[in-house]
Amino acid sequence: MLTEKELLKQPKKNYMNDEQLAFFKDLLLKQKAELVDSLKETNSHLRNQEREADENDRATLEEERWLELRIREREGKLIKKIDEALRRIEDGEYGYCEDTGEEIGLERLLIRPTATLTIEAKQRRENIERAFVDS
C-alpha cells in the first residue's frame, strides 16, 4: 500500500493507476468506518441522555441533542458521498471531474477524497449559485 508521500511522488502519467485507486479506496473505507462508529456513539449517547434528564436539565439537553442530530445528519451525508466515491472507483470514474472530465488532482483528493469536481469547476458552480441567489 502506498503512503501519502509515495502517492504524491508518482509521475503524472500514473494518475489513478491501480495503486492510487487502492490507496483512495482504503482511505475512504477507513473514513467510513470512523463515521459509522461515531454514529453508533451518538445514538448511544442520545439514548442515555433521555434516561438521565431531569426538568432542570431538559433545555440544555435539548440543545445538545439538536447539535448532535445535526452532526449525525452531516455524517450520514458524508457516508453517502463516500459510498458514491467508492462506486466511482469501481466504475473507473474516480479522480475525474464530473463536469469537465479533467483530473481532479491528487492533492485535492487527499484533502477531500469525495470530491467530484476540480477546484475550477467547483468555483464556477458556486459563482452560478451566487448569481442566482443575488438576483
N, C-alpha and C. Protein backbone atom coordinates (compact mmCIF):
# COMPACT_ATOMS: atom_id res chain seq x y z
N MET A 1 0.85 -1.19 0.00
CA MET A 1 0.00 0.00 0.00
C MET A 1 0.89 1.24 0.00
N LEU A 2 0.55 2.17 -0.84
CA LEU A 2 1.27 3.43 -0.95
C LEU A 2 1.09 4.29 0.30
N THR A 3 2.11 5.07 0.61
CA THR A 3 1.95 6.11 1.62
C THR A 3 1.55 7.39 0.89
N GLU A 4 1.11 8.37 1.64
CA GLU A 4 0.72 9.65 1.04
C GLU A 4 1.90 10.26 0.29
N LYS A 5 3.08 10.18 0.90
CA LYS A 5 4.29 10.75 0.29
C LYS A 5 4.61 10.04 -1.03
N GLU A 6 4.54 8.71 -1.02
CA GLU A 6 4.81 7.94 -2.24
C GLU A 6 3.77 8.24 -3.32
N LEU A 7 2.55 8.42 -2.91
CA LEU A 7 1.47 8.74 -3.84
C LEU A 7 1.78 10.03 -4.58
N LEU A 8 2.18 11.05 -3.83
CA LEU A 8 2.44 12.36 -4.42
C LEU A 8 3.71 12.37 -5.28
N LYS A 9 4.63 11.43 -5.06
CA LYS A 9 5.87 11.37 -5.84
C LYS A 9 5.69 10.64 -7.16
N GLN A 10 4.58 9.96 -7.35
CA GLN A 10 4.38 9.20 -8.59
C GLN A 10 4.28 10.13 -9.78
N PRO A 11 4.76 9.67 -10.94
CA PRO A 11 4.66 10.50 -12.15
C PRO A 11 3.22 10.77 -12.53
N LYS A 12 2.99 11.90 -13.17
CA LYS A 12 1.64 12.31 -13.58
C LYS A 12 0.97 11.26 -14.47
N LYS A 13 1.77 10.54 -15.26
CA LYS A 13 1.20 9.53 -16.16
C LYS A 13 0.58 8.36 -15.40
N ASN A 14 0.89 8.24 -14.12
CA ASN A 14 0.34 7.15 -13.30
C ASN A 14 -0.99 7.52 -12.65
N TYR A 15 -1.54 8.67 -13.02
CA TYR A 15 -2.75 9.17 -12.37
C TYR A 15 -3.86 8.11 -12.39
N MET A 16 -4.37 7.79 -11.23
CA MET A 16 -5.45 6.84 -10.98
C MET A 16 -5.12 5.44 -11.50
N ASN A 17 -3.83 5.06 -11.33
CA ASN A 17 -3.48 3.66 -11.60
C ASN A 17 -4.01 2.79 -10.46
N ASP A 18 -3.81 1.49 -10.56
CA ASP A 18 -4.36 0.57 -9.56
C ASP A 18 -3.88 0.87 -8.14
N GLU A 19 -2.60 1.23 -8.00
CA GLU A 19 -2.07 1.54 -6.67
C GLU A 19 -2.76 2.77 -6.07
N GLN A 20 -2.93 3.79 -6.88
CA GLN A 20 -3.57 5.01 -6.39
C GLN A 20 -5.04 4.76 -6.05
N LEU A 21 -5.71 4.01 -6.90
CA LEU A 21 -7.11 3.69 -6.61
C LEU A 21 -7.22 2.88 -5.32
N ALA A 22 -6.31 1.94 -5.10
CA ALA A 22 -6.31 1.15 -3.86
C ALA A 22 -6.07 2.06 -2.66
N PHE A 23 -5.16 3.03 -2.80
CA PHE A 23 -4.88 3.98 -1.72
C PHE A 23 -6.15 4.73 -1.33
N PHE A 24 -6.85 5.29 -2.34
CA PHE A 24 -8.04 6.08 -2.05
C PHE A 24 -9.20 5.21 -1.56
N LYS A 25 -9.30 4.00 -2.07
CA LYS A 25 -10.34 3.09 -1.59
C LYS A 25 -10.13 2.79 -0.11
N ASP A 26 -8.88 2.52 0.27
CA ASP A 26 -8.56 2.25 1.67
C ASP A 26 -8.84 3.48 2.53
N LEU A 27 -8.46 4.65 2.05
CA LEU A 27 -8.70 5.90 2.77
C LEU A 27 -10.20 6.12 3.00
N LEU A 28 -10.99 5.92 1.95
CA LEU A 28 -12.44 6.11 2.04
C LEU A 28 -13.08 5.09 2.98
N LEU A 29 -12.64 3.85 2.91
CA LEU A 29 -13.20 2.81 3.79
C LEU A 29 -12.87 3.10 5.25
N LYS A 30 -11.67 3.60 5.53
CA LYS A 30 -11.30 3.97 6.90
C LYS A 30 -12.16 5.13 7.40
N GLN A 31 -12.36 6.13 6.55
CA GLN A 31 -13.21 7.27 6.94
C GLN A 31 -14.63 6.80 7.21
N LYS A 32 -15.13 5.93 6.37
CA LYS A 32 -16.49 5.43 6.55
C LYS A 32 -16.61 4.68 7.87
N ALA A 33 -15.64 3.83 8.18
CA ALA A 33 -15.68 3.06 9.43
C ALA A 33 -15.68 4.00 10.64
N GLU A 34 -14.87 5.07 10.58
CA GLU A 34 -14.85 6.05 11.68
C GLU A 34 -16.19 6.74 11.83
N LEU A 35 -16.81 7.09 10.72
CA LEU A 35 -18.11 7.76 10.77
C LEU A 35 -19.19 6.83 11.31
N VAL A 36 -19.17 5.58 10.90
CA VAL A 36 -20.16 4.61 11.40
C VAL A 36 -19.99 4.44 12.90
N ASP A 37 -18.76 4.35 13.37
CA ASP A 37 -18.51 4.25 14.82
C ASP A 37 -19.02 5.50 15.54
N SER A 38 -18.78 6.65 14.95
CA SER A 38 -19.24 7.91 15.54
C SER A 38 -20.76 7.96 15.62
N LEU A 39 -21.42 7.50 14.56
CA LEU A 39 -22.90 7.47 14.57
C LEU A 39 -23.42 6.55 15.66
N LYS A 40 -22.77 5.41 15.85
CA LYS A 40 -23.18 4.48 16.91
C LYS A 40 -23.01 5.13 18.28
N GLU A 41 -21.89 5.83 18.46
CA GLU A 41 -21.66 6.53 19.73
C GLU A 41 -22.72 7.59 19.98
N THR A 42 -23.04 8.34 18.95
CA THR A 42 -24.05 9.39 19.08
C THR A 42 -25.40 8.79 19.45
N ASN A 43 -25.79 7.72 18.79
CA ASN A 43 -27.06 7.07 19.11
C ASN A 43 -27.09 6.61 20.56
N SER A 44 -26.01 6.00 21.01
CA SER A 44 -25.93 5.54 22.39
C SER A 44 -26.01 6.72 23.36
N HIS A 45 -25.29 7.78 23.04
CA HIS A 45 -25.28 8.97 23.91
C HIS A 45 -26.67 9.60 23.99
N LEU A 46 -27.36 9.68 22.85
CA LEU A 46 -28.70 10.27 22.85
C LEU A 46 -29.66 9.44 23.69
N ARG A 47 -29.56 8.13 23.62
CA ARG A 47 -30.44 7.27 24.43
C ARG A 47 -30.17 7.46 25.91
N ASN A 48 -28.90 7.56 26.28
CA ASN A 48 -28.53 7.73 27.68
C ASN A 48 -28.95 9.10 28.21
N GLN A 49 -28.90 10.11 27.38
CA GLN A 49 -29.31 11.46 27.80
C GLN A 49 -30.77 11.46 28.23
N GLU A 50 -31.61 10.81 27.48
CA GLU A 50 -33.04 10.82 27.79
C GLU A 50 -33.32 10.19 29.14
N ARG A 51 -32.58 9.17 29.50
CA ARG A 51 -32.80 8.49 30.78
C ARG A 51 -32.36 9.35 31.97
N GLU A 52 -31.32 10.15 31.76
CA GLU A 52 -30.74 10.90 32.88
C GLU A 52 -31.34 12.29 33.05
N ALA A 53 -32.18 12.71 32.17
CA ALA A 53 -32.67 14.09 32.19
C ALA A 53 -33.67 14.34 33.31
N ASP A 54 -33.47 15.46 34.01
CA ASP A 54 -34.50 15.94 34.93
C ASP A 54 -35.02 17.26 34.37
N GLU A 55 -36.02 17.81 34.99
CA GLU A 55 -36.67 19.00 34.43
C GLU A 55 -35.72 20.17 34.25
N ASN A 56 -34.80 20.36 35.18
CA ASN A 56 -33.88 21.50 35.12
C ASN A 56 -32.89 21.38 33.96
N ASP A 57 -32.56 20.16 33.57
CA ASP A 57 -31.56 19.95 32.52
C ASP A 57 -32.16 19.81 31.13
N ARG A 58 -33.45 19.79 31.00
CA ARG A 58 -34.07 19.49 29.71
C ARG A 58 -33.71 20.49 28.61
N ALA A 59 -33.69 21.77 28.93
CA ALA A 59 -33.37 22.78 27.90
C ALA A 59 -31.95 22.59 27.39
N THR A 60 -31.02 22.39 28.31
CA THR A 60 -29.63 22.17 27.93
C THR A 60 -29.51 20.89 27.11
N LEU A 61 -30.18 19.84 27.56
CA LEU A 61 -30.12 18.57 26.85
C LEU A 61 -30.75 18.66 25.46
N GLU A 62 -31.82 19.44 25.35
CA GLU A 62 -32.45 19.60 24.03
C GLU A 62 -31.50 20.30 23.06
N GLU A 63 -30.78 21.30 23.54
CA GLU A 63 -29.80 21.99 22.70
C GLU A 63 -28.68 21.03 22.30
N GLU A 64 -28.17 20.28 23.24
CA GLU A 64 -27.12 19.30 22.93
C GLU A 64 -27.63 18.25 21.95
N ARG A 65 -28.84 17.82 22.17
CA ARG A 65 -29.44 16.80 21.29
C ARG A 65 -29.57 17.35 19.86
N TRP A 66 -30.01 18.60 19.73
CA TRP A 66 -30.14 19.22 18.42
C TRP A 66 -28.79 19.28 17.72
N LEU A 67 -27.74 19.68 18.45
CA LEU A 67 -26.40 19.75 17.87
C LEU A 67 -25.91 18.37 17.44
N GLU A 68 -26.13 17.37 18.28
CA GLU A 68 -25.71 16.01 17.95
C GLU A 68 -26.47 15.48 16.74
N LEU A 69 -27.74 15.79 16.64
CA LEU A 69 -28.52 15.35 15.49
C LEU A 69 -28.04 16.02 14.21
N ARG A 70 -27.64 17.28 14.29
CA ARG A 70 -27.08 17.97 13.12
C ARG A 70 -25.77 17.31 12.69
N ILE A 71 -24.94 17.01 13.66
CA ILE A 71 -23.67 16.34 13.36
C ILE A 71 -23.94 14.97 12.73
N ARG A 72 -24.89 14.26 13.29
CA ARG A 72 -25.27 12.94 12.78
C ARG A 72 -25.77 13.04 11.34
N GLU A 73 -26.56 14.07 11.06
CA GLU A 73 -27.07 14.28 9.70
C GLU A 73 -25.92 14.53 8.73
N ARG A 74 -24.97 15.37 9.13
CA ARG A 74 -23.81 15.64 8.28
C ARG A 74 -22.98 14.39 8.06
N GLU A 75 -22.79 13.62 9.13
CA GLU A 75 -22.02 12.38 9.00
C GLU A 75 -22.74 11.40 8.06
N GLY A 76 -24.05 11.34 8.16
CA GLY A 76 -24.83 10.47 7.27
C GLY A 76 -24.67 10.89 5.82
N LYS A 77 -24.68 12.19 5.56
CA LYS A 77 -24.48 12.69 4.19
C LYS A 77 -23.08 12.36 3.70
N LEU A 78 -22.09 12.47 4.59
CA LEU A 78 -20.71 12.16 4.20
C LEU A 78 -20.57 10.67 3.89
N ILE A 79 -21.25 9.82 4.65
CA ILE A 79 -21.20 8.38 4.35
C ILE A 79 -21.76 8.12 2.95
N LYS A 80 -22.83 8.80 2.59
CA LYS A 80 -23.39 8.65 1.24
C LYS A 80 -22.38 9.09 0.18
N LYS A 81 -21.68 10.20 0.43
CA LYS A 81 -20.67 10.68 -0.51
C LYS A 81 -19.51 9.69 -0.62
N ILE A 82 -19.14 9.09 0.51
CA ILE A 82 -18.08 8.08 0.49
C ILE A 82 -18.52 6.88 -0.33
N ASP A 83 -19.76 6.44 -0.12
CA ASP A 83 -20.28 5.31 -0.91
C ASP A 83 -20.28 5.64 -2.40
N GLU A 84 -20.64 6.87 -2.75
CA GLU A 84 -20.62 7.30 -4.15
C GLU A 84 -19.19 7.29 -4.70
N ALA A 85 -18.23 7.75 -3.89
CA ALA A 85 -16.83 7.76 -4.32
C ALA A 85 -16.33 6.33 -4.52
N LEU A 86 -16.71 5.42 -3.63
CA LEU A 86 -16.32 4.02 -3.77
C LEU A 86 -16.92 3.42 -5.05
N ARG A 87 -18.14 3.81 -5.36
CA ARG A 87 -18.76 3.34 -6.61
C ARG A 87 -17.99 3.88 -7.82
N ARG A 88 -17.56 5.15 -7.75
CA ARG A 88 -16.80 5.74 -8.84
C ARG A 88 -15.45 5.03 -9.03
N ILE A 89 -14.86 4.59 -7.93
CA ILE A 89 -13.62 3.80 -8.03
C ILE A 89 -13.89 2.53 -8.81
N GLU A 90 -14.96 1.84 -8.44
CA GLU A 90 -15.31 0.58 -9.12
C GLU A 90 -15.65 0.82 -10.59
N ASP A 91 -16.26 1.96 -10.89
CA ASP A 91 -16.67 2.26 -12.27
C ASP A 91 -15.56 2.88 -13.11
N GLY A 92 -14.41 3.18 -12.49
CA GLY A 92 -13.30 3.79 -13.22
C GLY A 92 -13.46 5.29 -13.44
N GLU A 93 -14.34 5.92 -12.69
CA GLU A 93 -14.60 7.36 -12.85
C GLU A 93 -13.94 8.20 -11.77
N TYR A 94 -13.40 7.55 -10.74
CA TYR A 94 -12.85 8.28 -9.59
C TYR A 94 -11.65 9.12 -10.00
N GLY A 95 -11.61 10.34 -9.47
CA GLY A 95 -10.48 11.22 -9.70
C GLY A 95 -10.64 12.14 -10.88
N TYR A 96 -11.77 12.03 -11.57
CA TYR A 96 -12.02 12.86 -12.75
C TYR A 96 -13.26 13.72 -12.52
N CYS A 97 -13.18 14.97 -12.97
CA CYS A 97 -14.25 15.94 -12.77
C CYS A 97 -15.51 15.51 -13.50
N GLU A 98 -16.64 15.54 -12.80
CA GLU A 98 -17.91 15.15 -13.42
C GLU A 98 -18.41 16.19 -14.42
N ASP A 99 -17.90 17.42 -14.35
CA ASP A 99 -18.30 18.45 -15.31
C ASP A 99 -17.41 18.47 -16.56
N THR A 100 -16.10 18.37 -16.34
CA THR A 100 -15.15 18.57 -17.44
C THR A 100 -14.41 17.31 -17.87
N GLY A 101 -14.38 16.29 -17.02
CA GLY A 101 -13.62 15.08 -17.32
C GLY A 101 -12.13 15.22 -17.03
N GLU A 102 -11.72 16.40 -16.57
CA GLU A 102 -10.31 16.64 -16.24
C GLU A 102 -9.94 15.94 -14.93
N GLU A 103 -8.63 15.75 -14.74
CA GLU A 103 -8.14 15.19 -13.48
C GLU A 103 -8.43 16.16 -12.34
N ILE A 104 -8.97 15.64 -11.25
CA ILE A 104 -9.24 16.47 -10.07
C ILE A 104 -7.92 16.80 -9.38
N GLY A 105 -7.01 15.86 -9.35
CA GLY A 105 -5.69 16.08 -8.75
C GLY A 105 -5.54 15.35 -7.42
N LEU A 106 -4.36 14.79 -7.22
CA LEU A 106 -4.10 14.01 -6.01
C LEU A 106 -4.18 14.87 -4.76
N GLU A 107 -3.63 16.09 -4.83
CA GLU A 107 -3.62 16.96 -3.64
C GLU A 107 -5.05 17.25 -3.19
N ARG A 108 -5.92 17.58 -4.13
CA ARG A 108 -7.32 17.87 -3.79
C ARG A 108 -8.00 16.62 -3.24
N LEU A 109 -7.75 15.48 -3.83
CA LEU A 109 -8.38 14.24 -3.37
C LEU A 109 -7.88 13.83 -1.99
N LEU A 110 -6.64 14.15 -1.67
CA LEU A 110 -6.14 13.86 -0.32
C LEU A 110 -6.87 14.71 0.71
N ILE A 111 -7.17 15.95 0.35
CA ILE A 111 -7.88 16.84 1.27
C ILE A 111 -9.36 16.47 1.34
N ARG A 112 -9.95 16.17 0.16
CA ARG A 112 -11.37 15.85 0.08
C ARG A 112 -11.54 14.65 -0.85
N PRO A 113 -11.40 13.44 -0.29
CA PRO A 113 -11.44 12.24 -1.13
C PRO A 113 -12.79 11.99 -1.82
N THR A 114 -13.82 12.71 -1.41
CA THR A 114 -15.13 12.56 -2.04
C THR A 114 -15.37 13.59 -3.14
N ALA A 115 -14.36 14.40 -3.45
CA ALA A 115 -14.51 15.46 -4.45
C ALA A 115 -14.90 14.87 -5.80
N THR A 116 -15.81 15.57 -6.47
CA THR A 116 -16.25 15.14 -7.80
C THR A 116 -15.96 16.22 -8.85
N LEU A 117 -15.41 17.35 -8.41
CA LEU A 117 -15.15 18.48 -9.30
C LEU A 117 -13.73 19.00 -9.10
N THR A 118 -13.13 19.51 -10.16
CA THR A 118 -11.88 20.24 -10.00
C THR A 118 -12.19 21.52 -9.22
N ILE A 119 -11.16 22.16 -8.72
CA ILE A 119 -11.36 23.41 -7.99
C ILE A 119 -12.02 24.45 -8.90
N GLU A 120 -11.58 24.51 -10.15
CA GLU A 120 -12.13 25.49 -11.09
C GLU A 120 -13.61 25.22 -11.35
N ALA A 121 -13.98 23.96 -11.56
CA ALA A 121 -15.39 23.62 -11.81
C ALA A 121 -16.24 23.93 -10.58
N LYS A 122 -15.70 23.66 -9.40
CA LYS A 122 -16.42 23.95 -8.16
C LYS A 122 -16.66 25.46 -8.03
N GLN A 123 -15.63 26.24 -8.33
CA GLN A 123 -15.77 27.70 -8.25
C GLN A 123 -16.80 28.21 -9.26
N ARG A 124 -16.81 27.65 -10.48
CA ARG A 124 -17.80 28.04 -11.48
C ARG A 124 -19.21 27.77 -10.96
N ARG A 125 -19.41 26.59 -10.38
CA ARG A 125 -20.74 26.25 -9.84
C ARG A 125 -21.15 27.21 -8.73
N GLU A 126 -20.20 27.52 -7.84
CA GLU A 126 -20.51 28.43 -6.74
C GLU A 126 -20.84 29.83 -7.26
N ASN A 127 -20.11 30.28 -8.30
CA ASN A 127 -20.39 31.60 -8.88
C ASN A 127 -21.78 31.63 -9.50
N ILE A 128 -22.17 30.57 -10.17
CA ILE A 128 -23.50 30.49 -10.77
C ILE A 128 -24.57 30.50 -9.68
N GLU A 129 -24.35 29.72 -8.61
CA GLU A 129 -25.30 29.68 -7.50
C GLU A 129 -25.44 31.06 -6.88
N ARG A 130 -24.31 31.75 -6.67
CA ARG A 130 -24.35 33.09 -6.10
C ARG A 130 -25.11 34.06 -6.99
N ALA A 131 -24.93 33.94 -8.29
CA ALA A 131 -25.60 34.82 -9.23
C ALA A 131 -27.11 34.65 -9.14
N PHE A 132 -27.57 33.42 -8.95
CA PHE A 132 -29.00 33.18 -8.82
C PHE A 132 -29.55 33.67 -7.49
N VAL A 133 -28.75 33.54 -6.44
CA VAL A 133 -29.18 33.98 -5.11
C VAL A 133 -29.24 35.51 -5.07
N ASP A 134 -28.26 36.16 -5.68
CA ASP A 134 -28.17 37.63 -5.65
C ASP A 134 -29.24 38.28 -6.53
N SER A 135 -29.73 37.59 -7.52
CA SER A 135 -30.70 38.23 -8.44
C SER A 135 -32.12 38.14 -7.95
